[in-house]
Amino acid sequence: MKYSSGLVLLSGGVDSATVAAVAARECAQTAALTFSYGQRHATEIESARRLVNALGISEHAVIEIPSRIFAGTALTGAGMLDVPKNRNAGGEDDIPATYVPARNILFLSYALAFAESRAIRDIYIGVNALDYSGYPDCRPEFIARFQEMANTGTRAAVQGRPFAIHAPLMAMKKSEIIRLGTSLGVDYALTHSCYDPDPDGRACGACDSCLIRRQGFMDAGVPDPTRYRS
């Protein structure tokens, strides 16, 4: 089945690049939203722009959210917290300092408004419940509840045109995601994952995102194109 149009949340990382390729395969036309919220790794926004061109996405909007909204997180630097390094990424029960309060709730809310205004019914997000850092807004329960809310509180849905929130990577290992993206022609050299890159955009190699990405490429048997500091 091919949908007439789809909207993808595109951060510029491995998962969002892969889910964007899935959306481009499944939808006749694809739009994308990227968010600028004062993140330390703002270089990912440029990665998203490069991916838009590479994947032939028809419309791309970069949404500005003031960084002062997000206190107490290491990703924006607003709380003066350090990005955790060399954790047992994905293997700890605690939610790390890189958690951004209600981030995916906000992102999907923007996406819902954008989609309803353009008669788009299919929204794609690259959340994953296996290789992740413990964020509660990356779980299947969250996606199911958000879809329920979307189909309760929008004119389109109550008039018989419901929304579907697609999270096709939810149960996949990072290596499986990379293999899928490779089969769809994703150029991972265009992506960026590091939470704490240097001024030249080189990855630190030690944050959760770097560790998960590096292991994913190794397990997939695919060369890692990431530029690391050392």
Protein backbone atom coordinates (compact mmCIF):
# COMPACT_ATOMS: atom_id res chain seq x y z
CA MET A 1 0.00 0.00 0.00
CA LYS A 2 1.28 3.47 -0.85
CA TYR A 3 -0.03 6.47 1.07
CA SER A 4 -0.71 9.70 -0.81
CA SER A 5 1.44 11.76 1.56
CA GLY A 6 3.41 11.43 4.76
CA LEU A 7 5.22 13.60 7.29
CA VAL A 8 8.47 12.53 8.96
CA LEU A 9 10.24 13.92 12.02
CA LEU A 10 13.79 14.31 10.77
CA SER A 11 16.54 15.05 13.30
CA GLY A 12 19.45 14.15 11.06
CA GLY A 13 20.52 11.00 12.93
CA VAL A 14 20.63 7.34 11.90
CA ASP A 15 17.09 6.48 13.01
CA SER A 16 15.36 9.52 11.54
CA ALA A 17 17.27 9.14 8.25
CA THR A 18 16.16 5.51 8.04
CA VAL A 19 12.54 6.25 8.88
CA ALA A 20 12.58 9.07 6.32
CA ALA A 21 13.67 6.56 3.69
CA VAL A 22 10.85 4.24 4.78
CA ALA A 23 8.36 7.11 4.49
CA ALA A 24 9.68 8.03 1.04
CA ARG A 25 9.16 4.41 -0.02
CA GLU A 26 5.64 4.19 1.42
CA CYS A 27 4.30 7.63 0.49
CA ALA A 28 3.81 9.26 -2.89
CA GLN A 29 4.96 12.56 -1.38
CA THR A 30 6.87 13.22 1.84
CA ALA A 31 7.35 16.32 3.98
CA ALA A 32 9.71 16.67 6.94
CA LEU A 33 9.97 18.64 10.17
CA THR A 34 13.24 19.35 11.97
CA PHE A 35 13.47 21.09 15.34
CA SER A 36 15.97 23.66 16.57
CA TYR A 37 15.71 23.85 20.35
CA GLY A 38 19.15 25.03 21.40
CA GLN A 39 20.63 21.54 21.29
CA ARG A 40 24.41 21.23 21.70
CA HIS A 41 24.44 19.04 18.59
CA ALA A 42 22.81 21.68 16.35
CA THR A 43 25.00 20.38 13.53
CA GLU A 44 22.30 17.69 13.17
CA ILE A 45 20.06 20.35 11.57
CA GLU A 46 22.49 20.64 8.66
CA SER A 47 22.49 16.85 8.40
CA ALA A 48 18.69 16.94 8.15
CA ARG A 49 18.89 19.47 5.32
CA ARG A 50 21.34 17.27 3.43
CA LEU A 51 19.09 14.25 3.91
CA VAL A 52 16.08 16.17 2.60
CA ASN A 53 17.93 16.79 -0.66
CA ALA A 54 19.26 13.24 -0.87
CA LEU A 55 15.86 11.61 -0.24
CA GLY A 56 13.85 13.91 -2.50
CA ILE A 57 11.59 15.18 0.30
CA SER A 58 9.17 17.75 -1.11
CA GLU A 59 8.78 20.15 1.85
CA HIS A 60 11.02 20.78 4.84
CA ALA A 61 10.36 23.09 7.77
CA VAL A 62 12.76 23.83 10.62
CA ILE A 63 10.77 24.69 13.76
CA GLU A 64 12.36 26.96 16.37
CA ILE A 65 11.60 26.16 20.03
CA PRO A 66 13.27 28.45 22.61
CA SER A 67 15.98 26.61 24.53
CA ARG A 68 14.80 28.20 27.79
CA ILE A 69 11.78 25.88 27.65
CA PHE A 70 14.07 22.96 28.47
CA ALA A 71 15.74 23.30 31.88
CA GLY A 72 17.64 20.53 33.60
CA THR A 73 18.91 18.78 30.49
CA ALA A 74 22.47 18.25 29.29
CA LEU A 75 21.46 18.42 25.62
CA THR A 76 20.66 22.12 25.55
CA GLY A 77 23.35 23.20 27.99
CA ALA A 78 20.77 25.44 29.67
CA GLY A 79 21.23 23.63 32.98
CA MET A 80 25.04 23.62 32.71
CA LEU A 81 25.03 19.82 32.91
CA ASP A 82 27.71 17.66 31.32
CA VAL A 83 26.77 15.10 28.68
CA PRO A 84 27.29 11.67 30.32
CA LYS A 85 30.14 9.69 28.78
CA ASN A 86 30.97 5.97 28.62
CA ARG A 87 27.73 4.84 30.27
CA ASN A 88 26.41 1.35 29.72
CA ALA A 89 24.17 2.90 27.04
CA GLY A 90 20.73 1.38 26.87
CA GLY A 91 21.47 -0.90 29.78
CA GLU A 92 20.63 1.25 32.79
CA ASP A 93 17.26 1.85 34.39
CA ASP A 94 17.86 5.51 35.19
CA ILE A 95 16.87 8.22 32.74
CA PRO A 96 20.08 10.12 31.84
CA ALA A 97 20.74 13.86 31.95
CA THR A 98 20.35 13.99 28.15
CA TYR A 99 16.58 13.45 28.54
CA VAL A 100 14.77 16.54 27.19
CA PRO A 101 11.46 17.17 29.02
CA ALA A 102 8.41 16.26 26.91
CA ARG A 103 10.45 16.58 23.71
CA ASN A 104 8.59 14.04 21.60
CA ILE A 105 5.24 15.25 22.94
CA LEU A 106 6.08 18.72 21.63
CA PHE A 107 7.56 17.45 18.36
CA LEU A 108 4.59 15.23 17.58
CA SER A 109 2.16 18.01 18.51
CA TYR A 110 3.80 20.31 15.97
CA ALA A 111 3.75 17.46 13.47
CA LEU A 112 0.06 16.85 14.09
CA ALA A 113 -0.81 20.51 13.48
CA PHE A 114 1.37 20.61 10.36
CA ALA A 115 -0.14 17.39 9.04
CA GLU A 116 -3.78 18.30 9.67
CA SER A 117 -3.36 21.65 7.94
CA ARG A 118 -2.07 19.84 4.83
CA ALA A 119 -4.47 16.86 4.87
CA ILE A 120 -1.60 14.49 5.73
CA ARG A 121 -2.75 11.49 7.76
CA ASP A 122 0.46 9.49 8.16
CA ILE A 123 3.18 10.73 10.53
CA TYR A 124 6.52 8.91 10.83
CA ILE A 125 8.89 9.01 13.79
CA GLY A 126 12.13 7.08 14.32
CA VAL A 127 11.73 6.17 18.00
CA ASN A 128 13.17 2.88 19.18
CA ALA A 129 12.55 0.91 22.37
CA LEU A 130 15.61 -1.38 22.19
CA ASP A 131 18.81 0.56 21.46
CA TYR A 132 17.94 3.77 23.29
CA SER A 133 19.00 5.70 26.39
CA GLY A 134 15.93 5.07 28.55
CA TYR A 135 13.77 7.95 27.37
CA PRO A 136 10.07 7.37 28.26
CA ASP A 137 8.85 9.10 25.08
CA CYS A 138 10.47 6.43 22.88
CA ARG A 139 8.24 3.56 24.02
CA PRO A 140 5.35 1.92 22.15
CA GLU A 141 2.95 2.89 24.97
CA PHE A 142 3.69 6.55 24.34
CA ILE A 143 3.16 6.30 20.58
CA ALA A 144 -0.15 4.46 21.08
CA ARG A 145 -1.41 7.06 23.56
CA PHE A 146 -0.37 9.96 21.35
CA GLN A 147 -2.19 8.47 18.37
CA GLU A 148 -5.29 8.02 20.54
CA MET A 149 -5.08 11.64 21.65
CA ALA A 150 -4.58 12.84 18.06
CA ASN A 151 -7.69 10.99 16.96
CA THR A 152 -9.70 12.41 19.84
CA GLY A 153 -8.75 16.06 19.61
CA THR A 154 -8.55 16.96 15.90
CA ARG A 155 -11.29 17.97 13.47
CA ALA A 156 -9.97 15.66 10.75
CA ALA A 157 -10.16 12.60 12.97
CA VAL A 158 -13.59 13.26 14.48
CA GLN A 159 -14.89 13.80 10.95
CA GLY A 160 -13.65 10.38 9.89
CA ARG A 161 -10.10 11.08 8.69
CA PRO A 162 -7.93 9.63 11.48
CA PHE A 163 -4.19 9.89 11.86
CA ALA A 164 -1.66 7.07 12.06
CA ILE A 165 1.63 7.51 13.93
CA HIS A 166 4.13 5.15 12.29
CA ALA A 167 7.15 3.99 14.33
CA PRO A 168 8.53 1.25 12.07
CA LEU A 169 11.88 1.05 13.89
CA MET A 170 10.38 0.55 17.35
CA ALA A 171 11.43 -3.08 17.85
CA MET A 172 14.61 -3.09 15.74
CA LYS A 173 18.22 -3.25 16.92
CA LYS A 174 20.50 -0.46 15.73
CA SER A 175 22.30 -2.92 13.46
CA GLU A 176 18.97 -3.91 11.88
CA ILE A 177 18.08 -0.26 11.37
CA ILE A 178 21.40 0.37 9.63
CA ARG A 179 20.96 -2.66 7.39
CA LEU A 180 17.44 -1.51 6.49
CA GLY A 181 18.62 2.00 5.68
CA THR A 182 21.51 0.67 3.64
CA SER A 183 19.08 -1.46 1.62
CA LEU A 184 17.01 1.70 0.99
CA GLY A 185 20.05 3.66 -0.18
CA VAL A 186 20.55 5.89 2.88
CA ASP A 187 23.94 7.59 2.89
CA TYR A 188 24.82 7.56 6.59
CA ALA A 189 27.78 9.86 5.95
CA LEU A 190 25.11 12.60 5.78
CA THR A 191 23.87 11.86 9.30
CA HIS A 192 24.97 13.07 12.72
CA SER A 193 24.33 11.39 16.09
CA CYS A 194 26.77 12.75 18.69
CA TYR A 195 25.31 14.67 21.66
CA ASP A 196 28.53 16.58 22.30
CA PRO A 197 30.40 17.29 19.07
CA ASP A 198 33.39 19.59 18.88
CA PRO A 199 33.20 22.96 17.02
CA ASP A 200 34.14 21.18 13.79
CA GLY A 201 31.22 18.77 14.14
CA ARG A 202 33.37 15.75 14.98
CA ALA A 203 31.72 13.17 17.25
CA CYS A 204 32.98 12.65 20.81
CA GLY A 205 32.78 8.87 20.54
CA ALA A 206 31.80 8.44 24.21
CA CYS A 207 28.22 9.73 24.71
CA ASP A 208 25.28 7.32 24.66
CA SER A 209 24.43 8.16 21.07
CA CYS A 210 27.98 7.65 19.82
CA LEU A 211 28.36 4.34 21.65
CA ILE A 212 25.07 2.98 20.31
CA ARG A 213 25.81 4.22 16.78
CA ARG A 214 29.35 2.83 16.74
CA GLN A 215 28.23 -0.59 18.00
CA GLY A 216 25.36 -0.62 15.52
CA PHE A 217 27.63 -0.17 12.52
CA MET A 218 30.01 -2.79 13.88
CA ASP A 219 27.21 -5.31 14.41
CA ALA A 220 25.71 -4.55 11.00
CA GLY A 221 29.02 -5.13 9.25
CA VAL A 222 28.72 -1.73 7.61
CA PRO A 223 31.60 0.80 7.64
CA ASP A 224 30.97 3.65 10.08
CA PRO A 225 31.38 6.95 8.20
CA THR A 226 31.36 9.03 11.39
CA ARG A 227 34.12 11.61 11.93
CA TYR A 228 35.34 11.09 15.51
CA ARG A 229 37.69 13.38 17.42
CA SER A 230 40.23 10.60 17.71
